[in-house]
Structures are given as C-alpha cells and as structure tokens.
Amino acid sequence: PPQMKKGRKLLKREESTRTALSDGAGEEGIKAAQAKRAAKEAMNAKTNPISEDTQREFNQTLLAKRNFFFQTPVYTIAFCGLFGMCMASILYPARLESSITNLAPLIRQADRRNYLSKAICHLARELAMNDGLSRMRQDEIASAMRMVIDQMVLTDRAIRLGDALQIESGADMVSPEHNSIMYDNGCPWRDDPTACDIGPRPGLEAKGLFVIFVDFLETAEVVLSRYAPKGWQYTESFLQNSTADSLYSYESITVNITRYEEIMQDNDMAFLLMQFDGDLSRGLEMLQSIFMDMKESIMIRLHSDNRVFFASYISMVVVCFYVFLFRSTVNIALDQARRVRKFVDMLPAHVLTKEESADVFKFFTMGQDNEEHGEDDDDDVHHGGEKMGEESEDEKKD
C-alpha cells in the first residue's frame, strides 16, 4: 500500500539521519536490540517452557517437512555418484594400457623383422658376388650375415610368442588376423590370393607365410655355408667405422655380371634373392599393417570411451548439481525470503520497537527500494544533515 511505502521511506530517512549524526550508532542500536530480544526469549522460555519430547517432535516434524534437496544424504549420494563417474572416466579407459604398451615394441620388432629379411638377401648376394661393392671383406660379410640371421630368429620368436624384446604377449595370442596369414593356407598378400606359385620352391605354394619364412631361414643358412670363405671366423670388425684404407683397398668395385649369372643358376640363391620384394617381404608388410590397424583401433576405443565418460560427467554436474540441487535450493531460499518479508509486513506496529522495525525493513527492502527510489535515497543520505529539522509534506500528511 502507499502508506507502507511512505512508512518505509520515513524509517530509512531516520536511519540515514542517525548514521550522519553519529558513526557506529546504528551498530550499537542493533546490538541493543539483539540484547533486548535475547532477554525476551529467556523470559519466554521461563514462562512457557518446552519439554524435550515436544522439542524432539518439533525437530522431527521440521525434518519431515524439508524438501529432499535440503537433506544431507541427497548431497552425499550425488557427490559419491559424481566422484565415481570421475574415477570411471579415468580408470575404465586405462584398461587398454597394457594393450598399448604391448603394441609399441610389437610394431617396432615387426618393422625390424622385415628389415632383417632384406638385409639377409643383400648380404647373401654380396657374399656370393664378392665384388667389393659392399666395401667389406668376404669374412666380414659372412659375419654380418651370421649376426643378422640370429637376430632374425630372435625377433620372429619374440613377435609370435612374446616374453622377449619387451613384448609381453605375442601376436599368436592377440591377433587372429596374424595367425590367419602366418599359418593358414593361401597367399592373401598377393593381388590374386589363388595364384601362390613360387618358382624355385614349388612345394611351398599356398601353405602360409610361416612355411615360407622357415624355408627362407634354412636357405640363408645353406647359402652362408656354401659361399663363405673356408676357415673363416666370426668377427665384429664390420660394426666399426670404415677407414680410408678399408674403403679404397679394393682393386675392382664393379658388378661382376658373369658371377651374377652363375649364382642365379643356384635355386637356393634365386629363392633367397626373390624374397627381397617377393612373398616374404609382402607378407611381412601385411603383418605390419595389421599391427598398425590394431593400434588405431585401440586408440579410437580409448578416445571414444574418454569422450563418453567425460560427457556423462559434465551432464551429471549440470543436471544433478546445477538444475536439481543448486537452482532448486536457490529458488526455495528466495521463496522463503519473500514469505518472511510478507510476514514481517503483517506484524503489528507494537510488536517491534522502532529500531527493530528499521533494521528489519532495511534488510528486506534494501534491494527493491534502492531500485525504485534510488534518487530519493541518495538525496536523503547526502543531505540528511540539512533536512534533520525539516518536515516533508508526506510527514505532515501522516
């Protein structure tokens, strides 16, 4: 009502006047009102005592009337769910960690196996030709070929069976595609998988890559024993840096065409050199691509799981905490403030003292009155000292 607004305005003017006259007077008035209220409450407790049963029943009734989002178990359950979702978004994708750590050395050794197969072909040719193009003596070539064959055997065993060269689980246990190429009949690495003819080795066609691989190693051993110099001993001089004397100590470093035609008449040498870019090389490259596809598949699953859990986590924060708990709590608090304000407005004038009424109205009407009567309030505050003895027309009418 208009009279109530005028009353609020007068109370605020009196409060601003007291503030202008004496700093801290308002706080002293509040303390005095609080002490007076405490004395009234103590007197009321003596006059109208409340039993413990009544107080307990009253508290239980208040708890039963509270909304669910004001209760501690609701926040506890929501926090536990949020914390569980946060942990799941980290731990669930981590189940793929062992697969990732196992694939890294597996891919590296698969690349190395293909390189070693080509190195064997190159060294076998240089051992048989012995024309100086490799810049190594024949015993050094034989030693290098011996080392590469041994490394090839160890690398292949680690790739297929694991437990070596940092590979925990071999490809035989983790990749059905690898097993199909290695051990099943056929030649899927060729453009026409039905045409598996191998010229120098007619008995190896369509028996899988592993049979070709084993025959390749056996043929390498035969070629090494056939073309190595007599009485040679293993040396690691080929691992050392080349010097000018070793590089320029050859009388001829040109390709011996006649010698090449002679060694190509050897079926073992022909089969070995054919595998430089033949069935063995293409089969090993296909296995490399399979391992790379496995890595891509794991990374896609890892990122997908991470995105799903992170989206669920954010949705839970927004929906559960913000929409249902935070906004509901704020709306209830604002509604309670409106109801208390309405209740205070309904109180008779004699229930509260003048100072208490001013404090109550100041608390509940500060925001609204500042917006509605901002200019008048500013004038009252700045010119309170000048208007102490003056009466406005509204005061005279009241």
Protein backbone atom coordinates (compact mmCIF):
# COMPACT_ATOMS: atom_id res chain seq x y z
CA PRO A 1 0.00 0.00 0.00
CA PRO A 2 1.14 3.61 -0.48
CA GLN A 3 1.11 4.21 3.29
CA MET A 4 3.50 1.29 3.81
CA LYS A 5 5.92 2.64 1.21
CA LYS A 6 5.83 6.05 2.88
CA GLY A 7 6.49 4.42 6.24
CA ARG A 8 9.49 2.58 4.86
CA LYS A 9 10.81 5.78 3.37
CA LEU A 10 10.49 7.60 6.69
CA LEU A 11 12.24 4.78 8.54
CA LYS A 12 15.09 4.82 6.05
CA ARG A 13 15.38 8.60 6.34
CA GLU A 14 15.61 8.35 10.11
CA GLU A 15 18.24 5.64 9.78
CA SER A 16 20.32 7.74 7.37
CA THR A 17 19.99 10.73 9.70
CA ARG A 18 21.27 8.73 12.66
CA THR A 19 24.17 7.49 10.54
CA ALA A 20 25.05 11.04 9.51
CA LEU A 21 24.96 12.27 13.12
CA SER A 22 26.99 9.53 14.73
CA ASP A 23 29.21 6.86 13.19
CA GLY A 24 28.55 3.48 14.71
CA ALA A 25 25.24 4.46 16.28
CA GLY A 26 23.38 2.02 14.05
CA GLU A 27 25.56 -0.89 15.12
CA GLU A 28 25.07 -0.01 18.78
CA GLY A 29 21.33 0.10 18.22
CA ILE A 30 21.42 -3.33 16.59
CA LYS A 31 23.39 -4.77 19.50
CA ALA A 32 20.98 -3.23 21.98
CA ALA A 33 18.01 -4.65 20.07
CA GLN A 34 19.62 -8.08 19.98
CA ALA A 35 20.25 -7.99 23.72
CA LYS A 36 16.65 -6.95 24.33
CA ARG A 37 15.37 -9.72 22.09
CA ALA A 38 17.54 -12.27 23.90
CA ALA A 39 16.14 -11.13 27.23
CA LYS A 40 12.59 -11.53 25.90
CA GLU A 41 13.37 -15.03 24.64
CA ALA A 42 14.85 -16.02 28.00
CA MET A 43 11.78 -14.69 29.82
CA ASN A 44 9.50 -16.53 27.38
CA ALA A 45 11.43 -19.77 27.96
CA LYS A 46 10.85 -19.45 31.71
CA THR A 47 7.21 -18.50 31.33
CA ASN A 48 6.35 -21.08 28.65
CA PRO A 49 8.86 -23.93 28.97
CA ILE A 50 9.06 -26.56 26.19
CA SER A 51 9.68 -30.18 27.14
CA GLU A 52 12.39 -32.26 25.47
CA ASP A 53 9.79 -34.55 23.87
CA THR A 54 7.99 -31.58 22.38
CA GLN A 55 11.24 -30.13 21.09
CA ARG A 56 12.26 -33.50 19.63
CA GLU A 57 8.89 -33.95 17.94
CA PHE A 58 9.10 -30.41 16.61
CA ASN A 59 12.55 -31.06 15.13
CA GLN A 60 11.38 -34.32 13.55
CA THR A 61 8.43 -32.54 12.01
CA LEU A 62 10.74 -29.91 10.56
CA LEU A 63 12.98 -32.61 9.10
CA ALA A 64 9.99 -34.38 7.56
CA LYS A 65 8.74 -31.14 6.01
CA ARG A 66 12.07 -30.27 4.43
CA ASN A 67 12.45 -30.75 0.69
CA PHE A 68 14.67 -33.62 -0.43
CA PHE A 69 17.39 -31.37 -1.84
CA PHE A 70 17.96 -29.83 1.59
CA GLN A 71 18.86 -33.19 3.11
CA THR A 72 22.46 -34.26 3.64
CA PRO A 73 22.07 -37.83 2.26
CA VAL A 74 20.96 -36.40 -1.09
CA TYR A 75 24.15 -34.36 -1.42
CA THR A 76 26.22 -37.30 -0.18
CA ILE A 77 24.76 -39.64 -2.81
CA ALA A 78 25.14 -37.02 -5.55
CA PHE A 79 28.75 -36.35 -4.61
CA CYS A 80 29.57 -40.08 -4.49
CA GLY A 81 27.99 -40.55 -7.92
CA LEU A 82 29.93 -37.61 -9.32
CA PHE A 83 33.18 -38.83 -7.78
CA GLY A 84 32.53 -42.36 -9.09
CA MET A 85 31.90 -41.04 -12.60
CA CYS A 86 35.11 -39.01 -12.42
CA MET A 87 37.12 -42.08 -11.38
CA ALA A 88 35.43 -44.27 -14.00
CA SER A 89 36.31 -41.79 -16.76
CA ILE A 90 39.97 -42.33 -15.83
CA LEU A 91 40.12 -45.99 -14.82
CA TYR A 92 37.86 -47.56 -17.46
CA PRO A 93 39.89 -46.34 -20.49
CA ALA A 94 43.05 -47.31 -18.58
CA ARG A 95 42.16 -50.99 -19.11
CA LEU A 96 43.67 -50.63 -22.60
CA GLU A 97 47.03 -49.50 -21.23
CA SER A 98 48.54 -53.00 -21.34
CA SER A 99 47.49 -53.42 -24.97
CA ILE A 100 49.05 -50.10 -25.95
CA THR A 101 52.31 -50.78 -24.12
CA ASN A 102 52.49 -54.24 -25.73
CA LEU A 103 51.80 -52.97 -29.24
CA ALA A 104 54.63 -50.43 -29.24
CA PRO A 105 57.50 -52.99 -29.13
CA LEU A 106 55.45 -55.38 -31.28
CA ILE A 107 55.21 -52.84 -34.10
CA ARG A 108 58.87 -51.89 -33.71
CA GLN A 109 60.07 -55.51 -33.90
CA ALA A 110 57.75 -56.25 -36.84
CA ASP A 111 59.40 -53.41 -38.76
CA ARG A 112 62.79 -54.73 -37.74
CA ARG A 113 61.93 -58.26 -38.90
CA ASN A 114 61.10 -57.00 -42.38
CA TYR A 115 64.35 -55.02 -42.45
CA LEU A 116 66.38 -58.06 -41.36
CA SER A 117 64.87 -60.20 -44.12
CA LYS A 118 66.01 -57.65 -46.72
CA ALA A 119 69.42 -57.40 -45.05
CA ILE A 120 69.85 -61.19 -45.37
CA CYS A 121 69.05 -61.01 -49.08
CA HIS A 122 71.53 -58.17 -49.58
CA LEU A 123 74.33 -59.84 -47.61
CA ALA A 124 73.78 -63.20 -49.34
CA ARG A 125 74.16 -61.54 -52.73
CA GLU A 126 77.29 -59.63 -51.65
CA LEU A 127 78.76 -62.78 -50.12
CA ALA A 128 78.33 -64.71 -53.37
CA MET A 129 79.41 -61.85 -55.66
CA ASN A 130 82.36 -60.62 -53.55
CA ASP A 131 82.93 -57.74 -55.99
CA GLY A 132 83.80 -55.01 -53.47
CA LEU A 133 80.57 -53.01 -53.76
CA SER A 134 79.77 -53.66 -50.08
CA ARG A 135 83.20 -52.27 -49.02
CA MET A 136 83.62 -55.32 -46.75
CA ARG A 137 85.82 -58.36 -46.87
CA GLN A 138 84.18 -61.71 -47.51
CA ASP A 139 84.70 -62.88 -43.91
CA GLU A 140 83.11 -59.65 -42.68
CA ILE A 141 80.10 -60.20 -44.95
CA ALA A 142 79.76 -63.75 -43.62
CA SER A 143 79.98 -62.48 -40.03
CA ALA A 144 77.35 -59.82 -40.70
CA MET A 145 75.06 -62.39 -42.30
CA ARG A 146 75.53 -64.71 -39.32
CA MET A 147 74.54 -61.94 -36.90
CA VAL A 148 71.50 -60.89 -38.96
CA ILE A 149 70.20 -64.48 -39.20
CA ASP A 150 70.46 -64.91 -35.42
CA GLN A 151 68.69 -61.60 -34.82
CA MET A 152 66.00 -62.61 -37.32
CA VAL A 153 65.28 -65.80 -35.38
CA LEU A 154 65.10 -63.98 -32.03
CA THR A 155 62.91 -61.20 -33.41
CA ASP A 156 60.45 -63.58 -35.04
CA ARG A 157 60.15 -65.69 -31.88
CA ALA A 158 59.51 -62.58 -29.78
CA ILE A 159 56.85 -61.31 -32.20
CA ARG A 160 54.97 -64.59 -32.39
CA LEU A 161 55.36 -65.91 -28.82
CA GLY A 162 56.20 -62.85 -26.70
CA ASP A 163 58.15 -62.74 -23.40
CA ALA A 164 61.17 -61.22 -25.15
CA LEU A 165 62.37 -57.88 -26.52
CA GLN A 166 59.86 -56.02 -24.26
CA ILE A 167 56.92 -57.87 -25.88
CA GLU A 168 54.71 -59.38 -23.17
CA SER A 169 52.03 -61.04 -25.34
CA GLY A 170 52.95 -62.40 -28.75
CA ALA A 171 50.93 -61.87 -31.90
CA ASP A 172 49.83 -65.52 -31.82
CA MET A 173 47.78 -64.69 -28.70
CA VAL A 174 46.44 -61.24 -29.55
CA SER A 175 45.80 -61.19 -33.31
CA PRO A 176 43.66 -63.75 -35.17
CA GLU A 177 44.45 -61.92 -38.43
CA HIS A 178 48.16 -62.51 -37.83
CA ASN A 179 47.54 -66.23 -37.26
CA SER A 180 45.46 -66.47 -40.42
CA ILE A 181 48.24 -65.02 -42.57
CA MET A 182 51.05 -66.92 -40.87
CA TYR A 183 49.57 -70.40 -40.50
CA ASP A 184 46.54 -70.80 -42.78
CA ASN A 185 46.84 -71.98 -46.36
CA GLY A 186 46.85 -69.39 -49.11
CA CYS A 187 48.71 -66.21 -50.01
CA PRO A 188 46.46 -63.23 -49.08
CA TRP A 189 49.32 -60.75 -49.60
CA ARG A 190 49.16 -61.28 -53.37
CA ASP A 191 46.82 -59.45 -55.71
CA ASP A 192 45.39 -62.84 -56.68
CA PRO A 193 45.28 -64.95 -53.49
CA THR A 194 44.57 -68.08 -55.52
CA ALA A 195 47.83 -67.85 -57.54
CA CYS A 196 50.50 -68.84 -54.99
CA ASP A 197 53.17 -70.33 -57.26
CA ILE A 198 56.79 -69.86 -56.08
CA GLY A 199 59.14 -70.71 -58.94
CA PRO A 200 62.28 -72.03 -57.18
CA ARG A 201 60.19 -73.67 -54.44
CA PRO A 202 57.19 -75.45 -55.99
CA GLY A 203 56.43 -77.26 -52.73
CA LEU A 204 55.79 -74.05 -50.74
CA GLU A 205 52.84 -72.66 -52.64
CA ALA A 206 49.63 -71.91 -50.70
CA LYS A 207 50.98 -73.14 -47.35
CA GLY A 208 51.01 -69.85 -45.48
CA LEU A 209 53.67 -67.30 -44.66
CA PHE A 210 55.27 -69.20 -41.80
CA VAL A 211 56.34 -72.07 -44.08
CA ILE A 212 57.96 -69.57 -46.46
CA PHE A 213 59.65 -67.84 -43.52
CA VAL A 214 61.14 -71.07 -42.13
CA ASP A 215 62.38 -72.14 -45.57
CA PHE A 216 63.87 -68.67 -46.04
CA LEU A 217 65.96 -69.02 -42.86
CA GLU A 218 67.06 -72.55 -43.78
CA THR A 219 68.06 -71.36 -47.25
CA ALA A 220 70.04 -68.48 -45.72
CA GLU A 221 71.99 -70.99 -43.61
CA VAL A 222 72.71 -73.08 -46.72
CA VAL A 223 73.87 -70.06 -48.73
CA LEU A 224 76.10 -68.90 -45.86
CA SER A 225 77.82 -72.26 -45.58
CA ARG A 226 78.16 -72.56 -49.37
CA TYR A 227 79.65 -69.16 -50.22
CA ALA A 228 81.52 -68.24 -47.03
CA PRO A 229 85.33 -68.43 -47.26
CA LYS A 230 86.89 -71.60 -45.92
CA GLY A 231 88.12 -71.45 -42.35
CA TRP A 232 86.51 -68.07 -41.67
CA GLN A 233 85.88 -66.95 -38.11
CA TYR A 234 83.24 -64.63 -36.79
CA THR A 235 84.42 -61.04 -36.40
CA GLU A 236 82.72 -57.78 -35.48
CA SER A 237 85.01 -55.56 -37.48
CA PHE A 238 82.11 -54.81 -39.83
CA LEU A 239 80.42 -52.94 -36.95
CA GLN A 240 83.28 -50.45 -36.70
CA ASN A 241 83.52 -47.21 -38.64
CA SER A 242 85.09 -47.55 -42.06
CA THR A 243 88.51 -46.02 -42.66
CA ALA A 244 90.10 -44.71 -45.83
CA ASP A 245 92.33 -47.76 -46.05
CA SER A 246 89.37 -50.15 -45.91
CA LEU A 247 87.26 -48.13 -48.34
CA TYR A 248 89.91 -47.83 -51.06
CA SER A 249 91.70 -51.16 -50.70
CA TYR A 250 89.73 -52.88 -53.48
CA GLU A 251 91.12 -53.22 -56.99
CA SER A 252 87.66 -53.58 -58.54
CA ILE A 253 84.28 -52.38 -57.27
CA THR A 254 82.22 -53.03 -60.40
CA VAL A 255 79.41 -55.54 -60.75
CA ASN A 256 80.64 -58.93 -61.94
CA ILE A 257 77.95 -59.80 -64.49
CA THR A 258 79.36 -63.24 -65.13
CA ARG A 259 79.38 -64.08 -61.45
CA TYR A 260 75.82 -62.83 -61.07
CA GLU A 261 74.59 -65.10 -63.86
CA GLU A 262 76.34 -68.03 -62.24
CA ILE A 263 74.81 -67.57 -58.80
CA MET A 264 71.34 -67.09 -60.27
CA GLN A 265 71.58 -70.65 -61.54
CA ASP A 266 71.57 -71.70 -57.89
CA ASN A 267 67.94 -72.34 -56.86
CA ASP A 268 68.69 -71.53 -53.22
CA MET A 269 70.24 -68.18 -54.11
CA ALA A 270 67.45 -67.43 -56.60
CA PHE A 271 64.79 -68.14 -53.95
CA LEU A 272 66.62 -66.02 -51.38
CA LEU A 273 67.01 -63.01 -53.66
CA MET A 274 63.41 -63.33 -54.84
CA GLN A 275 62.17 -62.70 -51.28
CA PHE A 276 63.72 -59.20 -51.16
CA ASP A 277 60.44 -57.88 -52.58
CA GLY A 278 58.58 -61.16 -53.05
CA ASP A 279 56.15 -63.21 -50.98
CA LEU A 280 58.07 -62.96 -47.71
CA SER A 281 58.50 -59.19 -47.92
CA ARG A 282 54.88 -58.54 -48.89
CA GLY A 283 53.60 -60.92 -46.23
CA LEU A 284 55.65 -59.24 -43.51
CA GLU A 285 54.45 -55.83 -44.69
CA MET A 286 50.85 -57.05 -44.42
CA LEU A 287 51.54 -58.12 -40.84
CA GLN A 288 52.95 -54.67 -40.12
CA SER A 289 49.75 -53.07 -41.43
CA ILE A 290 47.68 -55.41 -39.23
CA PHE A 291 49.58 -54.30 -36.14
CA MET A 292 49.12 -50.65 -37.12
CA ASP A 293 45.38 -51.25 -37.56
CA MET A 294 45.28 -52.78 -34.08
CA LYS A 295 46.92 -49.66 -32.69
CA GLU A 296 44.45 -47.38 -34.48
CA SER A 297 41.52 -49.46 -33.23
CA ILE A 298 42.71 -49.26 -29.62
CA MET A 299 43.27 -45.50 -29.84
CA ILE A 300 39.79 -44.99 -31.31
CA ARG A 301 38.24 -47.04 -28.49
CA LEU A 302 40.28 -45.13 -25.94
CA HIS A 303 39.19 -41.73 -27.24
CA SER A 304 35.58 -42.86 -27.63
CA ASP A 305 35.38 -44.13 -24.04
CA ASN A 306 37.01 -40.97 -22.78
CA ARG A 307 34.54 -38.74 -24.63
CA VAL A 308 31.52 -40.74 -23.41
CA PHE A 309 32.58 -40.67 -19.77
CA PHE A 310 33.56 -37.01 -19.90
CA ALA A 311 30.21 -36.07 -21.47
CA SER A 312 28.40 -38.10 -18.79
CA TYR A 313 30.45 -36.38 -16.10
CA ILE A 314 29.62 -32.90 -17.39
CA SER A 315 25.94 -33.82 -17.81
CA MET A 316 25.79 -35.06 -14.23
CA VAL A 317 27.34 -31.84 -12.96
CA VAL A 318 24.92 -29.66 -14.93
CA VAL A 319 21.73 -31.68 -14.44
CA CYS A 320 22.21 -33.10 -10.96
CA PHE A 321 24.03 -30.35 -9.15
CA TYR A 322 23.06 -27.20 -11.00
CA VAL A 323 19.49 -27.86 -12.16
CA PHE A 324 18.09 -30.10 -9.43
CA LEU A 325 20.12 -29.11 -6.38
CA PHE A 326 21.58 -25.63 -6.78
CA ARG A 327 18.73 -23.93 -8.64
CA SER A 328 16.06 -25.66 -6.54
CA THR A 329 17.81 -24.60 -3.35
CA VAL A 330 18.18 -21.00 -4.53
CA ASN A 331 14.54 -20.82 -5.63
CA ILE A 332 13.34 -22.19 -2.29
CA ALA A 333 15.56 -19.73 -0.44
CA LEU A 334 14.17 -16.82 -2.47
CA ASP A 335 10.63 -18.03 -1.86
CA GLN A 336 11.30 -18.26 1.87
CA ALA A 337 12.68 -14.71 1.83
CA ARG A 338 9.50 -13.47 0.13
CA ARG A 339 7.34 -15.27 2.67
CA VAL A 340 9.32 -13.88 5.61
CA ARG A 341 9.11 -10.41 4.14
CA LYS A 342 5.36 -10.76 3.77
CA PHE A 343 5.14 -11.99 7.35
CA VAL A 344 7.16 -9.03 8.63
CA ASP A 345 4.91 -6.64 6.74
CA MET A 346 1.91 -8.18 8.51
CA LEU A 347 3.34 -7.70 12.02
CA PRO A 348 1.54 -5.09 14.19
CA ALA A 349 3.48 -1.94 14.91
CA HIS A 350 3.65 -2.54 18.68
CA VAL A 351 5.38 -5.95 18.37
CA LEU A 352 8.73 -4.45 17.32
CA THR A 353 10.49 -1.39 18.61
CA LYS A 354 11.27 1.49 16.31
CA GLU A 355 14.91 0.44 15.96
CA GLU A 356 14.00 -3.21 15.32
CA SER A 357 11.46 -2.20 12.68
CA ALA A 358 14.06 -0.05 10.95
CA ASP A 359 16.57 -2.91 10.91
CA VAL A 360 14.02 -5.43 9.62
CA PHE A 361 12.73 -3.14 6.88
CA LYS A 362 16.25 -2.20 5.92
CA PHE A 363 17.20 -5.87 5.50
CA PHE A 364 14.17 -6.90 3.42
CA THR A 365 13.65 -3.72 1.38
CA MET A 366 17.20 -2.57 0.64
CA GLY A 367 17.44 -4.05 -2.87
CA GLN A 368 13.94 -3.19 -4.03
CA ASP A 369 13.78 0.31 -2.57
CA ASN A 370 17.19 1.18 -3.95
CA GLU A 371 15.90 0.35 -7.43
CA GLU A 372 12.52 2.09 -7.01
CA HIS A 373 13.65 5.15 -5.05
CA GLY A 374 17.33 5.36 -5.83
CA GLU A 375 17.37 9.09 -6.45
CA ASP A 376 15.34 9.93 -3.33
CA ASP A 377 17.54 7.72 -1.16
CA ASP A 378 20.69 9.33 -2.47
CA ASP A 379 19.31 12.76 -1.67
CA ASP A 380 18.32 11.62 1.79
CA VAL A 381 21.77 10.22 2.51
CA HIS A 382 23.76 13.15 1.16
CA HIS A 383 21.54 15.85 2.61
CA GLY A 384 20.42 14.10 5.78
CA GLY A 385 22.15 16.65 8.00
CA GLU A 386 20.49 19.55 6.24
CA LYS A 387 16.99 18.06 6.49
CA MET A 388 17.10 16.97 10.14
CA GLY A 389 14.90 19.79 11.35
CA GLU A 390 12.66 19.96 8.31
CA GLU A 391 9.44 18.07 7.75
CA SER A 392 8.34 16.94 4.35
CA GLU A 393 4.82 17.23 3.06
CA ASP A 394 4.41 13.46 3.42
CA GLU A 395 5.31 13.68 7.13
CA LYS A 396 2.78 16.44 7.71
CA LYS A 397 0.08 14.42 5.97
CA ASP A 398 0.93 11.31 8.02
